[in-house]
Amino acid sequence: MKKVILGSLAILALSMSVSCRDAADKAKSATEEAGAALENAGEELKDAGKELEEAGEGAMDAAKEASENAMEAAEDAAESVKEAGQEGMEAAKKAGQDGVDAAKKAGNDVKDAANEAADKAAQKAAEVEKAVKH
């Protein structure tokens, strides 16, 4: 019976040894899988970081372009206002010159009419004087 008990203990010890080796192999495999998973996660984080960086650069480029467009629009608006002001000044200057020309013409017309009236009055006076002398 001793042999049976000792044999049973030997079989039990042998099976425990195999069981420990399986557990060690399984632990080693799990460790390798965990390492691979961590490496994968690291790569994915690295890729996500690159995508985030690219998105940030895209946003900065878009903001810069929008700023440049706004500056161009402001410059165009300023140029339009400047042109409108120059056109307004030119129109006012022309209107003023036209007014001066019209006033000169009216003054000349009045002067001509006054001279003509004076000539006619002088003629009448001459005729009256001639009629009184005869």
C-alpha atoms as a PDB file:
ATOM      1  CA  MET A   1       0.000   0.000   0.000  1.00  0.00           C
ATOM      2  CA  LYS A   2       2.955   2.181   0.609  1.00  0.00           C
ATOM      3  CA  LYS A   3       3.909   1.732  -2.994  1.00  0.00           C
ATOM      4  CA  VAL A   4       0.441   2.717  -4.106  1.00  0.00           C
ATOM      5  CA  ILE A   5       0.450   5.830  -1.932  1.00  0.00           C
ATOM      6  CA  LEU A   6       3.969   6.731  -2.993  1.00  0.00           C
ATOM      7  CA  GLY A   7       3.062   6.105  -6.637  1.00  0.00           C
ATOM      8  CA  SER A   8      -0.033   8.252  -6.259  1.00  0.00           C
ATOM      9  CA  LEU A   9       2.033  11.010  -4.712  1.00  0.00           C
ATOM     10  CA  ALA A  10       4.562  10.768  -7.522  1.00  0.00           C
ATOM     11  CA  ILE A  11       1.795  11.008 -10.133  1.00  0.00           C
ATOM     12  CA  LEU A  12       0.273  13.911  -8.253  1.00  0.00           C
ATOM     13  CA  ALA A  13       3.644  15.703  -8.067  1.00  0.00           C
ATOM     14  CA  LEU A  14       4.240  15.044 -11.758  1.00  0.00           C
ATOM     15  CA  SER A  15       0.811  16.409 -12.715  1.00  0.00           C
ATOM     16  CA  MET A  16       1.407  19.483 -10.526  1.00  0.00           C
ATOM     17  CA  SER A  17       4.709  20.037 -12.288  1.00  0.00           C
ATOM     18  CA  VAL A  18       3.013  19.852 -15.691  1.00  0.00           C
ATOM     19  CA  SER A  19       0.241  22.084 -14.432  1.00  0.00           C
ATOM     20  CA  CYS A  20       2.780  24.682 -13.224  1.00  0.00           C
ATOM     21  CA  ARG A  21       4.561  24.572 -16.567  1.00  0.00           C
ATOM     22  CA  ASP A  22       1.236  25.144 -18.352  1.00  0.00           C
ATOM     23  CA  ALA A  23       0.493  28.027 -16.041  1.00  0.00           C
ATOM     24  CA  ALA A  24       3.942  29.494 -16.640  1.00  0.00           C
ATOM     25  CA  ASP A  25       3.530  29.080 -20.405  1.00  0.00           C
ATOM     26  CA  LYS A  26       0.092  30.654 -20.248  1.00  0.00           C
ATOM     27  CA  ALA A  27       1.429  33.546 -18.157  1.00  0.00           C
ATOM     28  CA  LYS A  28       4.282  34.052 -20.597  1.00  0.00           C
ATOM     29  CA  SER A  29       1.831  34.004 -23.531  1.00  0.00           C
ATOM     30  CA  ALA A  30      -0.490  36.462 -21.747  1.00  0.00           C
ATOM     31  CA  THR A  31       2.483  38.734 -21.029  1.00  0.00           C
ATOM     32  CA  GLU A  32       3.502  38.641 -24.687  1.00  0.00           C
ATOM     33  CA  GLU A  33      -0.081  39.373 -25.781  1.00  0.00           C
ATOM     34  CA  ALA A  34      -0.309  42.235 -23.277  1.00  0.00           C
ATOM     35  CA  GLY A  35       2.994  43.623 -24.595  1.00  0.00           C
ATOM     36  CA  ALA A  36       1.716  43.394 -28.177  1.00  0.00           C
ATOM     37  CA  ALA A  37      -1.546  45.090 -27.150  1.00  0.00           C
ATOM     38  CA  LEU A  38       0.394  47.890 -25.433  1.00  0.00           C
ATOM     39  CA  GLU A  39       2.588  48.288 -28.484  1.00  0.00           C
ATOM     40  CA  ASN A  40      -0.535  48.469 -30.674  1.00  0.00           C
ATOM     41  CA  ALA A  41      -2.095  51.021 -28.342  1.00  0.00           C
ATOM     42  CA  GLY A  42       1.111  53.056 -28.492  1.00  0.00           C
ATOM     43  CA  GLU A  43       1.054  53.057 -32.299  1.00  0.00           C
ATOM     44  CA  GLU A  44      -2.609  54.047 -32.332  1.00  0.00           C
ATOM     45  CA  LEU A  45      -1.916  56.884 -29.888  1.00  0.00           C
ATOM     46  CA  LYS A  46       0.986  58.001 -32.051  1.00  0.00           C
ATOM     47  CA  ASP A  47      -1.270  57.978 -35.141  1.00  0.00           C
ATOM     48  CA  ALA A  48      -3.985  59.869 -33.266  1.00  0.00           C
ATOM     49  CA  GLY A  49      -1.387  62.447 -32.206  1.00  0.00           C
ATOM     50  CA  LYS A  50      -0.308  62.912 -35.812  1.00  0.00           C
ATOM     51  CA  GLU A  51      -3.934  63.305 -36.930  1.00  0.00           C
ATOM     52  CA  LEU A  52      -4.554  65.820 -34.159  1.00  0.00           C
ATOM     53  CA  GLU A  53      -1.442  67.746 -35.157  1.00  0.00           C
ATOM     54  CA  GLU A  54      -2.557  67.761 -38.814  1.00  0.00           C
ATOM     55  CA  ALA A  55      -6.033  68.925 -37.802  1.00  0.00           C
ATOM     56  CA  GLY A  56      -4.492  71.722 -35.736  1.00  0.00           C
ATOM     57  CA  GLU A  57      -2.308  72.774 -38.651  1.00  0.00           C
ATOM     58  CA  GLY A  58      -5.358  72.715 -40.931  1.00  0.00           C
ATOM     59  CA  ALA A  59      -7.284  74.888 -38.494  1.00  0.00           C
ATOM     60  CA  MET A  60      -4.377  77.323 -38.261  1.00  0.00           C
ATOM     61  CA  ASP A  61      -4.099  77.479 -42.050  1.00  0.00           C
ATOM     62  CA  ALA A  62      -7.846  78.095 -42.346  1.00  0.00           C
ATOM     63  CA  ALA A  63      -7.677  80.849 -39.723  1.00  0.00           C
ATOM     64  CA  LYS A  64      -4.717  82.447 -41.494  1.00  0.00           C
ATOM     65  CA  GLU A  65      -6.533  82.331 -44.838  1.00  0.00           C
ATOM     66  CA  ALA A  66      -9.686  83.801 -43.298  1.00  0.00           C
ATOM     67  CA  SER A  67      -7.604  86.583 -41.756  1.00  0.00           C
ATOM     68  CA  GLU A  68      -5.925  87.315 -45.089  1.00  0.00           C
ATOM     69  CA  ASN A  69      -9.325  87.389 -46.827  1.00  0.00           C
ATOM     70  CA  ALA A  70     -10.659  89.782 -44.216  1.00  0.00           C
ATOM     71  CA  MET A  71      -7.631  92.049 -44.669  1.00  0.00           C
ATOM     72  CA  GLU A  72      -8.099  92.040 -48.446  1.00  0.00           C
ATOM     73  CA  ALA A  73     -11.793  92.860 -48.050  1.00  0.00           C
ATOM     74  CA  ALA A  74     -10.944  95.731 -45.693  1.00  0.00           C
ATOM     75  CA  GLU A  75      -8.342  97.054 -48.144  1.00  0.00           C
ATOM     76  CA  ASP A  76     -10.861  96.808 -51.004  1.00  0.00           C
ATOM     77  CA  ALA A  77     -13.456  98.634 -48.931  1.00  0.00           C
ATOM     78  CA  ALA A  78     -10.972 101.361 -48.040  1.00  0.00           C
ATOM     79  CA  GLU A  79     -10.015 101.737 -51.700  1.00  0.00           C
ATOM     80  CA  SER A  80     -13.705 101.951 -52.694  1.00  0.00           C
ATOM     81  CA  VAL A  81     -14.335 104.636 -50.077  1.00  0.00           C
ATOM     82  CA  LYS A  82     -11.273 106.542 -51.267  1.00  0.00           C
ATOM     83  CA  GLU A  83     -12.415 106.334 -54.899  1.00  0.00           C
ATOM     84  CA  ALA A  84     -15.941 107.411 -53.954  1.00  0.00           C
ATOM     85  CA  GLY A  85     -14.517 110.372 -52.041  1.00  0.00           C
ATOM     86  CA  GLN A  86     -12.357 111.401 -54.996  1.00  0.00           C
ATOM     87  CA  GLU A  87     -15.298 111.088 -57.376  1.00  0.00           C
ATOM     88  CA  GLY A  88     -17.428 113.165 -54.995  1.00  0.00           C
ATOM     89  CA  MET A  89     -14.741 115.847 -54.786  1.00  0.00           C
ATOM     90  CA  GLU A  90     -14.361 115.896 -58.545  1.00  0.00           C
ATOM     91  CA  ALA A  91     -18.131 116.186 -58.979  1.00  0.00           C
ATOM     92  CA  ALA A  92     -18.290 119.003 -56.414  1.00  0.00           C
ATOM     93  CA  LYS A  93     -15.377 120.770 -58.089  1.00  0.00           C
ATOM     94  CA  LYS A  94     -17.039 120.439 -61.506  1.00  0.00           C
ATOM     95  CA  ALA A  95     -20.367 121.655 -60.083  1.00  0.00           C
ATOM     96  CA  GLY A  96     -18.577 124.619 -58.507  1.00  0.00           C
ATOM     97  CA  GLN A  97     -16.807 125.421 -61.782  1.00  0.00           C
ATOM     98  CA  ASP A  98     -20.094 125.092 -63.679  1.00  0.00           C
ATOM     99  CA  GLY A  99     -21.687 127.486 -61.150  1.00  0.00           C
ATOM    100  CA  VAL A 100     -18.855 129.986 -61.608  1.00  0.00           C
ATOM    101  CA  ASP A 101     -19.156 129.719 -65.403  1.00  0.00           C
ATOM    102  CA  ALA A 102     -22.944 130.201 -65.214  1.00  0.00           C
ATOM    103  CA  ALA A 103     -22.522 133.218 -62.911  1.00  0.00           C
ATOM    104  CA  LYS A 104     -19.953 134.755 -65.273  1.00  0.00           C
ATOM    105  CA  LYS A 105     -22.287 134.209 -68.219  1.00  0.00           C
ATOM    106  CA  ALA A 106     -25.205 135.689 -66.299  1.00  0.00           C
ATOM    107  CA  GLY A 107     -23.023 138.653 -65.275  1.00  0.00           C
ATOM    108  CA  ASN A 108     -21.952 139.187 -68.881  1.00  0.00           C
ATOM    109  CA  ASP A 109     -25.571 138.936 -70.042  1.00  0.00           C
ATOM    110  CA  VAL A 110     -26.632 141.534 -67.444  1.00  0.00           C
ATOM    111  CA  LYS A 111     -23.691 143.748 -68.419  1.00  0.00           C
ATOM    112  CA  ASP A 112     -24.569 143.435 -72.123  1.00  0.00           C
ATOM    113  CA  ALA A 113     -28.244 144.180 -71.391  1.00  0.00           C
ATOM    114  CA  ALA A 114     -27.271 147.204 -69.259  1.00  0.00           C
ATOM    115  CA  ASN A 115     -24.961 148.516 -71.978  1.00  0.00           C
ATOM    116  CA  GLU A 116     -27.670 148.004 -74.589  1.00  0.00           C
ATOM    117  CA  ALA A 117     -30.207 149.796 -72.376  1.00  0.00           C
ATOM    118  CA  ALA A 118     -27.729 152.609 -71.778  1.00  0.00           C
ATOM    119  CA  ASP A 119     -27.101 152.896 -75.528  1.00  0.00           C
ATOM    120  CA  LYS A 120     -30.833 153.016 -76.210  1.00  0.00           C
ATOM    121  CA  ALA A 121     -31.317 155.619 -73.475  1.00  0.00           C
ATOM    122  CA  ALA A 122     -28.473 157.687 -74.943  1.00  0.00           C
ATOM    123  CA  GLN A 123     -30.046 157.393 -78.390  1.00  0.00           C
ATOM    124  CA  LYS A 124     -33.427 158.503 -77.069  1.00  0.00           C
ATOM    125  CA  ALA A 125     -31.793 161.348 -75.219  1.00  0.00           C
ATOM    126  CA  ALA A 126     -30.051 162.383 -78.423  1.00  0.00           C
ATOM    127  CA  GLU A 127     -33.316 162.194 -80.351  1.00  0.00           C
ATOM    128  CA  VAL A 128     -35.126 164.230 -77.671  1.00  0.00           C
ATOM    129  CA  GLU A 129     -32.344 166.823 -77.691  1.00  0.00           C
ATOM    130  CA  LYS A 130     -32.466 167.027 -81.465  1.00  0.00           C
ATOM    131  CA  ALA A 131     -36.227 167.374 -81.393  1.00  0.00           C
ATOM    132  CA  VAL A 132     -36.047 170.106 -78.798  1.00  0.00           C
ATOM    133  CA  LYS A 133     -33.455 172.044 -80.813  1.00  0.00           C
ATOM    134  CA  HIS A 134     -35.517 172.047 -83.983  1.00  0.00           C
END
